[in-house]
Amino acid sequence: MIRTLIASAVIALAPLPALAGPDAEALIAGAAADIADPVKGEEAFTRSIDIAAVARFTLGKHARRVSAEEQTRFTDAFSAFLAETFRDNADTFQDARIEVLGSTDRSETDSIVATRVTPKGEDPMTVRWRVIERNGEWRVVDVEVLGLWLAIEQRAQISAILDRPRATIDDAIAALS
């Protein structure tokens, strides 16, 4: 279920004093409607998540020691991992109800949006989405389900792999397959 919600996912700033909340909430509300659509779902998912930023974050301290080519390969593998996870769980999102409950601004460009996700035939759950604005565009960078921030968890798993003696980026890529 946690891997299911990582895939679901993911506007201009208001004049000062800016509040990220309304724009961040609009991203999640719009993405939620499209992700539930069997035709638009995967494209909406890809558009909503800042895959390059999440992949870089997932590499953590190891991002400094990998080449640009290795980082590109990891990002491509991470993108494929997320897309496959979305496809594997697309049925869960069809006809799911996602209600935006509100948001907490961390700054003008960083907000946590709380939602109530109710998959068809299942109990509702609270899911929080961290969204960041970069270059005038809001994108999802993490999702919290059942108290677990998924990008942070993925980072810990990739770090555990790359901390091993003689580990390479290929080991981390293989873990995403």
Protein backbone atom coordinates (compact mmCIF):
# COMPACT_ATOMS: atom_id res chain seq x y z
CA MET A 1 0.00 0.00 0.00
CA ILE A 2 2.87 2.41 0.74
CA ARG A 3 4.39 1.82 -2.72
CA THR A 4 0.91 2.38 -4.16
CA LEU A 5 0.66 5.86 -2.72
CA ILE A 6 4.14 6.95 -3.78
CA ALA A 7 2.93 6.73 -7.35
CA SER A 8 -0.07 8.93 -6.81
CA ALA A 9 0.87 11.71 -6.91
CA VAL A 10 1.80 14.82 -7.60
CA ILE A 11 1.10 27.70 -10.30
CA ALA A 12 2.12 30.96 -9.57
CA LEU A 13 2.88 32.49 -6.13
CA ALA A 14 0.45 35.02 -4.65
CA PRO A 15 1.71 38.56 -4.00
CA LEU A 16 3.63 39.07 -0.75
CA PRO A 17 2.97 38.01 1.87
CA ALA A 18 2.90 34.84 -0.17
CA LEU A 19 1.22 31.68 1.01
CA ALA A 20 2.24 28.45 -0.62
CA GLY A 21 -0.88 26.66 0.55
CA PRO A 22 -3.45 27.60 -2.11
CA ASP A 23 -1.11 26.87 -5.02
CA ALA A 24 0.21 23.70 -3.41
CA GLU A 25 -3.33 22.54 -2.67
CA ALA A 26 -4.36 23.28 -6.27
CA LEU A 27 -1.53 21.06 -7.56
CA ILE A 28 -2.65 18.14 -5.41
CA ALA A 29 -6.37 18.62 -6.18
CA GLY A 30 -5.70 18.76 -9.94
CA ALA A 31 -3.31 15.85 -9.92
CA ALA A 32 -5.71 13.76 -7.84
CA ALA A 33 -8.49 14.19 -10.40
CA ASP A 34 -6.22 13.25 -13.30
CA ILE A 35 -4.48 10.36 -11.55
CA ALA A 36 -7.86 8.70 -10.97
CA ASP A 37 -8.51 8.87 -14.75
CA PRO A 38 -7.37 5.64 -16.47
CA VAL A 39 -6.25 7.57 -19.59
CA LYS A 40 -4.56 10.57 -17.94
CA GLY A 41 -3.25 8.81 -14.83
CA GLU A 42 0.36 7.99 -15.63
CA GLU A 43 1.00 11.27 -17.45
CA ALA A 44 -0.49 13.21 -14.53
CA PHE A 45 1.72 11.27 -12.15
CA THR A 46 4.85 12.08 -14.17
CA ARG A 47 3.89 15.75 -14.49
CA SER A 48 3.18 16.16 -10.76
CA ILE A 49 6.38 14.68 -9.32
CA ASP A 50 9.80 16.31 -9.58
CA ILE A 51 11.45 12.99 -10.41
CA ALA A 52 14.95 14.44 -10.94
CA ALA A 53 14.89 16.19 -7.55
CA VAL A 54 13.55 13.11 -5.75
CA ALA A 55 16.14 10.86 -7.42
CA ARG A 56 18.94 13.29 -6.43
CA PHE A 57 17.58 13.39 -2.86
CA THR A 58 17.38 9.59 -2.81
CA LEU A 59 21.07 9.34 -3.65
CA GLY A 60 21.81 11.55 -0.64
CA LYS A 61 25.50 11.92 0.20
CA HIS A 62 26.31 9.52 -2.63
CA ALA A 63 25.14 12.02 -5.26
CA ARG A 64 28.49 13.80 -4.88
CA ARG A 65 30.51 10.70 -5.74
CA VAL A 66 28.63 9.53 -8.83
CA SER A 67 29.29 10.91 -12.28
CA ALA A 68 26.71 12.91 -14.22
CA GLU A 69 26.17 9.87 -16.47
CA GLU A 70 25.60 7.60 -13.45
CA GLN A 71 23.20 10.11 -11.93
CA THR A 72 21.27 10.23 -15.21
CA ARG A 73 21.07 6.43 -15.32
CA PHE A 74 19.87 6.34 -11.71
CA THR A 75 17.24 9.02 -12.41
CA ASP A 76 16.01 7.09 -15.44
CA ALA A 77 15.81 3.88 -13.39
CA PHE A 78 14.06 5.73 -10.55
CA SER A 79 11.54 7.19 -13.01
CA ALA A 80 10.88 3.73 -14.46
CA PHE A 81 10.50 2.34 -10.91
CA LEU A 82 7.88 4.97 -10.05
CA ALA A 83 6.02 4.52 -13.35
CA GLU A 84 5.94 0.74 -12.93
CA THR A 85 4.69 1.11 -9.38
CA PHE A 86 1.96 3.43 -10.64
CA ARG A 87 0.94 0.99 -13.41
CA ASP A 88 0.94 -1.95 -10.98
CA ASN A 89 -1.43 -0.08 -8.70
CA ALA A 90 -3.49 1.99 -11.15
CA ASP A 91 -6.65 0.06 -10.28
CA THR A 92 -6.38 1.34 -6.71
CA PHE A 93 -6.61 4.93 -7.92
CA GLN A 94 -9.49 4.49 -10.31
CA ASP A 95 -12.56 5.89 -8.60
CA ALA A 96 -10.57 6.74 -5.46
CA ARG A 97 -11.66 9.89 -3.69
CA ILE A 98 -8.89 12.31 -2.72
CA GLU A 99 -10.02 15.24 -0.63
CA VAL A 100 -7.65 18.13 0.17
CA LEU A 101 -7.94 18.87 3.90
CA GLY A 102 -5.56 21.84 4.05
CA SER A 103 -1.90 22.73 4.04
CA THR A 104 0.94 23.94 6.22
CA ASP A 105 3.42 26.33 4.64
CA ARG A 106 7.05 25.74 5.44
CA SER A 107 7.99 28.77 3.31
CA GLU A 108 6.63 30.64 0.27
CA THR A 109 7.84 27.79 -1.95
CA ASP A 110 7.48 24.74 0.31
CA SER A 111 4.22 23.33 1.65
CA ILE A 112 2.79 20.17 3.15
CA VAL A 113 -0.69 19.37 1.79
CA ALA A 114 -2.86 17.02 3.84
CA THR A 115 -5.39 14.84 2.03
CA ARG A 116 -7.87 12.13 2.86
CA VAL A 117 -7.50 9.30 0.34
CA THR A 118 -10.37 6.84 0.09
CA PRO A 119 -9.72 4.02 -2.39
CA LYS A 120 -12.89 2.34 -3.64
CA GLY A 121 -14.05 -0.21 -1.07
CA GLU A 122 -11.32 0.67 1.48
CA ASP A 123 -11.07 2.77 4.60
CA PRO A 124 -9.88 6.36 4.21
CA MET A 125 -6.37 7.33 5.22
CA THR A 126 -4.54 10.60 5.69
CA VAL A 127 -1.76 11.21 3.19
CA ARG A 128 0.48 14.26 3.29
CA TRP A 129 2.28 15.57 0.20
CA ARG A 130 5.36 17.78 0.33
CA VAL A 131 5.33 20.14 -2.63
CA ILE A 132 7.99 22.63 -3.64
CA GLU A 133 7.86 25.46 -6.18
CA ARG A 134 10.88 25.80 -8.46
CA ASN A 135 11.04 27.99 -11.55
CA GLY A 136 7.38 28.93 -11.17
CA GLU A 137 6.15 25.33 -11.08
CA TRP A 138 4.84 23.32 -8.12
CA ARG A 139 5.91 19.65 -7.95
CA VAL A 140 5.58 16.81 -5.44
CA VAL A 141 8.87 15.82 -3.77
CA ASP A 142 7.68 13.45 -1.04
CA VAL A 143 4.61 11.66 0.29
CA GLU A 144 3.86 10.62 3.88
CA VAL A 145 1.75 7.52 4.40
CA LEU A 146 1.18 5.92 7.80
CA GLY A 147 3.79 8.24 9.36
CA LEU A 148 6.50 7.28 6.86
CA TRP A 149 7.95 9.80 4.41
CA LEU A 150 8.57 7.69 1.32
CA ALA A 151 11.45 9.64 -0.29
CA ILE A 152 13.24 9.63 3.05
CA GLU A 153 12.69 5.87 3.36
CA GLN A 154 13.90 5.28 -0.22
CA ARG A 155 16.98 7.38 0.56
CA ALA A 156 17.78 5.20 3.58
CA GLN A 157 17.43 2.04 1.50
CA ILE A 158 19.65 3.33 -1.34
CA SER A 159 22.20 4.63 1.17
CA ALA A 160 22.36 1.20 2.84
CA ILE A 161 23.18 -0.32 -0.54
CA LEU A 162 25.76 2.29 -1.54
CA ASP A 163 27.44 2.24 1.90
CA ARG A 164 28.52 -1.36 1.31
CA PRO A 165 32.16 -1.95 0.34
CA ARG A 166 32.66 -1.89 -3.45
CA ALA A 167 29.01 -0.95 -4.07
CA THR A 168 28.33 0.86 -7.32
CA ILE A 169 25.48 2.86 -8.78
CA ASP A 170 24.54 -0.30 -10.67
CA ASP A 171 23.76 -1.97 -7.34
CA ALA A 172 21.39 0.87 -6.47
CA ILE A 173 19.81 0.73 -9.93
CA ALA A 174 19.34 -3.03 -9.62
CA ALA A 175 17.51 -2.51 -6.32
CA LEU A 176 14.93 -0.39 -8.15
CA SER A 177 14.15 -3.21 -10.61
